[in-house]
Amino acid sequence: MVTEAANVEEQLASMKTTLDKLSRESAEKDAQIKRQNEQITELMKRPEKKSSEASKKDSDEEDSDKESNRAEESDDERKARKDRSLG
């Protein structure tokens, strides 16, 4: 009977050690998952930043092209008026 009690106590101690180890590993895995989620979030933001910068750049280029076209049209109109006044 004493042997059985000692055996049960040893088993309980072993189970407690295993439980502590698993709890520690679980906490470490949770922390790792949290870090990875933060990294994923940061990486997901990068393409958004680049695409918004690219969209802004494309928009700026379009505005510049429109301004160039307006300037060319104005030059053409001036030439046409000059030709009409001379002719």
N, C-alpha and C. Protein backbone atom coordinates (compact mmCIF):
# COMPACT_ATOMS: atom_id res chain seq x y z
N MET A 1 0.80 -1.18 0.00
CA MET A 1 0.00 0.00 0.00
C MET A 1 0.87 1.27 0.00
N VAL A 2 1.91 1.26 0.77
CA VAL A 2 2.84 2.38 0.80
C VAL A 2 3.49 2.52 -0.56
N THR A 3 3.78 1.40 -1.19
CA THR A 3 4.41 1.41 -2.50
C THR A 3 3.46 2.01 -3.53
N GLU A 4 2.19 1.65 -3.41
CA GLU A 4 1.20 2.19 -4.35
C GLU A 4 1.07 3.70 -4.19
N ALA A 5 1.09 4.20 -2.97
CA ALA A 5 0.98 5.63 -2.71
C ALA A 5 2.19 6.37 -3.27
N ALA A 6 3.36 5.79 -3.10
CA ALA A 6 4.58 6.41 -3.63
C ALA A 6 4.53 6.41 -5.15
N ASN A 7 4.04 5.30 -5.70
CA ASN A 7 3.94 5.19 -7.14
C ASN A 7 2.96 6.24 -7.70
N VAL A 8 1.83 6.45 -7.03
CA VAL A 8 0.84 7.43 -7.45
C VAL A 8 1.43 8.84 -7.33
N GLU A 9 2.17 9.10 -6.26
CA GLU A 9 2.80 10.41 -6.08
C GLU A 9 3.83 10.68 -7.18
N GLU A 10 4.57 9.65 -7.55
CA GLU A 10 5.55 9.81 -8.63
C GLU A 10 4.84 10.10 -9.95
N GLN A 11 3.74 9.40 -10.18
CA GLN A 11 2.97 9.63 -11.40
C GLN A 11 2.40 11.06 -11.43
N LEU A 12 1.88 11.49 -10.28
CA LEU A 12 1.35 12.86 -10.21
C LEU A 12 2.45 13.89 -10.45
N ALA A 13 3.62 13.66 -9.88
CA ALA A 13 4.75 14.58 -10.07
C ALA A 13 5.16 14.60 -11.53
N SER A 14 5.20 13.44 -12.15
CA SER A 14 5.55 13.35 -13.57
C SER A 14 4.50 14.07 -14.42
N MET A 15 3.23 13.88 -14.10
CA MET A 15 2.15 14.54 -14.83
C MET A 15 2.23 16.05 -14.66
N LYS A 16 2.54 16.49 -13.44
CA LYS A 16 2.66 17.93 -13.20
C LYS A 16 3.82 18.50 -14.01
N THR A 17 4.94 17.80 -14.06
CA THR A 17 6.09 18.26 -14.84
C THR A 17 5.72 18.34 -16.32
N THR A 18 5.04 17.33 -16.81
CA THR A 18 4.62 17.31 -18.21
C THR A 18 3.65 18.46 -18.49
N LEU A 19 2.70 18.67 -17.57
CA LEU A 19 1.73 19.75 -17.72
C LEU A 19 2.42 21.11 -17.74
N ASP A 20 3.37 21.32 -16.85
CA ASP A 20 4.13 22.58 -16.83
C ASP A 20 4.88 22.79 -18.14
N LYS A 21 5.50 21.70 -18.61
CA LYS A 21 6.26 21.79 -19.87
C LYS A 21 5.32 22.14 -21.03
N LEU A 22 4.17 21.48 -21.09
CA LEU A 22 3.22 21.76 -22.17
C LEU A 22 2.65 23.18 -22.07
N SER A 23 2.42 23.65 -20.87
CA SER A 23 1.93 25.02 -20.68
C SER A 23 2.96 26.03 -21.16
N ARG A 24 4.22 25.79 -20.84
CA ARG A 24 5.30 26.68 -21.28
C ARG A 24 5.40 26.69 -22.80
N GLU A 25 5.38 25.50 -23.40
CA GLU A 25 5.46 25.39 -24.86
C GLU A 25 4.27 26.06 -25.53
N SER A 26 3.11 25.92 -24.93
CA SER A 26 1.91 26.55 -25.48
C SER A 26 2.04 28.07 -25.44
N ALA A 27 2.54 28.61 -24.35
CA ALA A 27 2.73 30.06 -24.23
C ALA A 27 3.76 30.55 -25.25
N GLU A 28 4.82 29.77 -25.45
CA GLU A 28 5.84 30.13 -26.44
C GLU A 28 5.25 30.12 -27.85
N LYS A 29 4.46 29.12 -28.14
CA LYS A 29 3.83 29.03 -29.47
C LYS A 29 2.86 30.19 -29.68
N ASP A 30 2.09 30.52 -28.64
CA ASP A 30 1.17 31.66 -28.76
C ASP A 30 1.93 32.95 -29.04
N ALA A 31 3.05 33.14 -28.35
CA ALA A 31 3.88 34.33 -28.58
C ALA A 31 4.44 34.33 -30.00
N GLN A 32 4.86 33.17 -30.48
CA GLN A 32 5.39 33.05 -31.84
C GLN A 32 4.30 33.38 -32.86
N ILE A 33 3.11 32.86 -32.64
CA ILE A 33 1.99 33.12 -33.55
C ILE A 33 1.67 34.61 -33.56
N LYS A 34 1.69 35.24 -32.39
CA LYS A 34 1.41 36.66 -32.31
C LYS A 34 2.45 37.46 -33.11
N ARG A 35 3.73 37.11 -32.96
CA ARG A 35 4.79 37.80 -33.72
C ARG A 35 4.60 37.61 -35.22
N GLN A 36 4.27 36.38 -35.61
CA GLN A 36 4.08 36.11 -37.03
C GLN A 36 2.88 36.88 -37.58
N ASN A 37 1.81 36.97 -36.82
CA ASN A 37 0.64 37.74 -37.26
C ASN A 37 1.00 39.22 -37.42
N GLU A 38 1.82 39.74 -36.51
CA GLU A 38 2.26 41.13 -36.62
C GLU A 38 3.12 41.32 -37.86
N GLN A 39 4.00 40.35 -38.13
CA GLN A 39 4.84 40.43 -39.33
C GLN A 39 3.98 40.37 -40.59
N ILE A 40 2.99 39.50 -40.60
CA ILE A 40 2.10 39.38 -41.76
C ILE A 40 1.36 40.69 -41.98
N THR A 41 0.88 41.27 -40.89
CA THR A 41 0.16 42.54 -40.99
C THR A 41 1.07 43.61 -41.58
N GLU A 42 2.31 43.66 -41.10
CA GLU A 42 3.26 44.66 -41.60
C GLU A 42 3.55 44.43 -43.09
N LEU A 43 3.72 43.17 -43.47
CA LEU A 43 4.00 42.86 -44.88
C LEU A 43 2.79 43.18 -45.76
N MET A 44 1.60 42.97 -45.24
CA MET A 44 0.39 43.28 -46.01
C MET A 44 0.26 44.78 -46.22
N LYS A 45 0.76 45.59 -45.31
CA LYS A 45 0.67 47.05 -45.44
C LYS A 45 1.62 47.55 -46.52
N ARG A 46 2.74 46.90 -46.70
CA ARG A 46 3.74 47.36 -47.67
C ARG A 46 3.19 47.45 -49.08
N PRO A 47 2.56 46.41 -49.61
CA PRO A 47 2.02 46.54 -50.97
C PRO A 47 0.95 47.62 -51.06
N GLU A 48 0.16 47.81 -49.99
CA GLU A 48 -0.84 48.86 -50.00
C GLU A 48 -0.17 50.21 -50.13
N LYS A 49 0.92 50.41 -49.39
CA LYS A 49 1.65 51.67 -49.47
C LYS A 49 2.21 51.85 -50.87
N LYS A 50 2.81 50.81 -51.42
CA LYS A 50 3.40 50.91 -52.76
C LYS A 50 2.33 51.16 -53.81
N SER A 51 1.20 50.46 -53.70
CA SER A 51 0.15 50.65 -54.70
C SER A 51 -0.47 52.04 -54.58
N SER A 52 -0.60 52.54 -53.36
CA SER A 52 -1.15 53.89 -53.24
C SER A 52 -0.15 54.92 -53.75
N GLU A 53 1.14 54.69 -53.53
CA GLU A 53 2.16 55.58 -54.07
C GLU A 53 2.17 55.50 -55.59
N ALA A 54 2.02 54.30 -56.13
CA ALA A 54 1.99 54.13 -57.58
C ALA A 54 0.76 54.80 -58.16
N SER A 55 -0.37 54.68 -57.48
CA SER A 55 -1.59 55.33 -57.96
C SER A 55 -1.42 56.83 -57.95
N LYS A 56 -0.82 57.35 -56.91
CA LYS A 56 -0.59 58.79 -56.83
C LYS A 56 0.36 59.22 -57.94
N LYS A 57 1.40 58.41 -58.17
CA LYS A 57 2.36 58.74 -59.23
C LYS A 57 1.67 58.72 -60.59
N ASP A 58 0.86 57.68 -60.84
CA ASP A 58 0.13 57.60 -62.11
C ASP A 58 -0.79 58.80 -62.27
N SER A 59 -1.45 59.17 -61.19
CA SER A 59 -2.35 60.33 -61.23
C SER A 59 -1.57 61.59 -61.54
N ASP A 60 -0.42 61.76 -60.91
CA ASP A 60 0.42 62.93 -61.16
C ASP A 60 0.89 62.95 -62.61
N GLU A 61 1.24 61.78 -63.15
CA GLU A 61 1.68 61.71 -64.54
C GLU A 61 0.55 62.07 -65.49
N GLU A 62 -0.67 61.59 -65.17
CA GLU A 62 -1.82 61.91 -66.00
C GLU A 62 -2.08 63.41 -65.98
N ASP A 63 -1.99 64.01 -64.80
CA ASP A 63 -2.19 65.46 -64.69
C ASP A 63 -1.14 66.20 -65.51
N SER A 64 0.09 65.72 -65.44
CA SER A 64 1.17 66.35 -66.20
C SER A 64 0.92 66.21 -67.70
N ASP A 65 0.47 65.03 -68.12
CA ASP A 65 0.15 64.82 -69.53
C ASP A 65 -0.97 65.75 -69.98
N LYS A 66 -2.00 65.91 -69.14
CA LYS A 66 -3.11 66.79 -69.49
C LYS A 66 -2.63 68.22 -69.64
N GLU A 67 -1.77 68.64 -68.72
CA GLU A 67 -1.24 70.00 -68.79
C GLU A 67 -0.42 70.18 -70.06
N SER A 68 0.38 69.17 -70.40
CA SER A 68 1.17 69.24 -71.64
C SER A 68 0.25 69.34 -72.85
N ASN A 69 -0.81 68.54 -72.86
CA ASN A 69 -1.75 68.57 -73.98
C ASN A 69 -2.43 69.93 -74.07
N ARG A 70 -2.80 70.51 -72.92
CA ARG A 70 -3.42 71.84 -72.93
C ARG A 70 -2.45 72.88 -73.49
N ALA A 71 -1.20 72.77 -73.09
CA ALA A 71 -0.20 73.73 -73.57
C ALA A 71 -0.03 73.60 -75.08
N GLU A 72 -0.02 72.36 -75.58
CA GLU A 72 0.12 72.14 -77.02
C GLU A 72 -1.09 72.70 -77.75
N GLU A 73 -2.30 72.48 -77.18
CA GLU A 73 -3.51 73.00 -77.82
C GLU A 73 -3.46 74.52 -77.85
N SER A 74 -3.02 75.12 -76.77
CA SER A 74 -2.93 76.58 -76.72
C SER A 74 -1.97 77.09 -77.78
N ASP A 75 -0.84 76.42 -77.94
CA ASP A 75 0.12 76.82 -78.97
C ASP A 75 -0.50 76.70 -80.35
N ASP A 76 -1.23 75.61 -80.58
CA ASP A 76 -1.87 75.41 -81.87
C ASP A 76 -2.92 76.49 -82.12
N GLU A 77 -3.68 76.84 -81.09
CA GLU A 77 -4.70 77.88 -81.24
C GLU A 77 -4.04 79.22 -81.57
N ARG A 78 -2.95 79.53 -80.90
CA ARG A 78 -2.24 80.78 -81.16
C ARG A 78 -1.75 80.84 -82.62
N LYS A 79 -1.19 79.73 -83.08
CA LYS A 79 -0.69 79.68 -84.46
C LYS A 79 -1.84 79.86 -85.45
N ALA A 80 -2.98 79.22 -85.15
CA ALA A 80 -4.13 79.31 -86.05
C ALA A 80 -4.63 80.74 -86.10
N ARG A 81 -4.71 81.41 -84.94
CA ARG A 81 -5.15 82.80 -84.90
C ARG A 81 -4.19 83.71 -85.66
N LYS A 82 -2.91 83.44 -85.48
CA LYS A 82 -1.89 84.26 -86.16
C LYS A 82 -2.01 84.09 -87.68
N ASP A 83 -2.21 82.82 -88.10
CA ASP A 83 -2.35 82.55 -89.52
C ASP A 83 -3.60 83.24 -90.08
N ARG A 84 -4.70 83.22 -89.31
CA ARG A 84 -5.93 83.87 -89.77
C ARG A 84 -5.76 85.39 -89.89
N SER A 85 -5.02 85.94 -88.91
CA SER A 85 -4.85 87.40 -88.94
C SER A 85 -3.93 87.81 -90.07
N LEU A 86 -2.98 86.97 -90.44
CA LEU A 86 -2.07 87.29 -91.54
C LEU A 86 -2.71 87.02 -92.89
N GLY A 87 -3.60 86.06 -92.92
CA GLY A 87 -4.14 85.60 -94.19
C GLY A 87 -5.39 86.22 -94.60
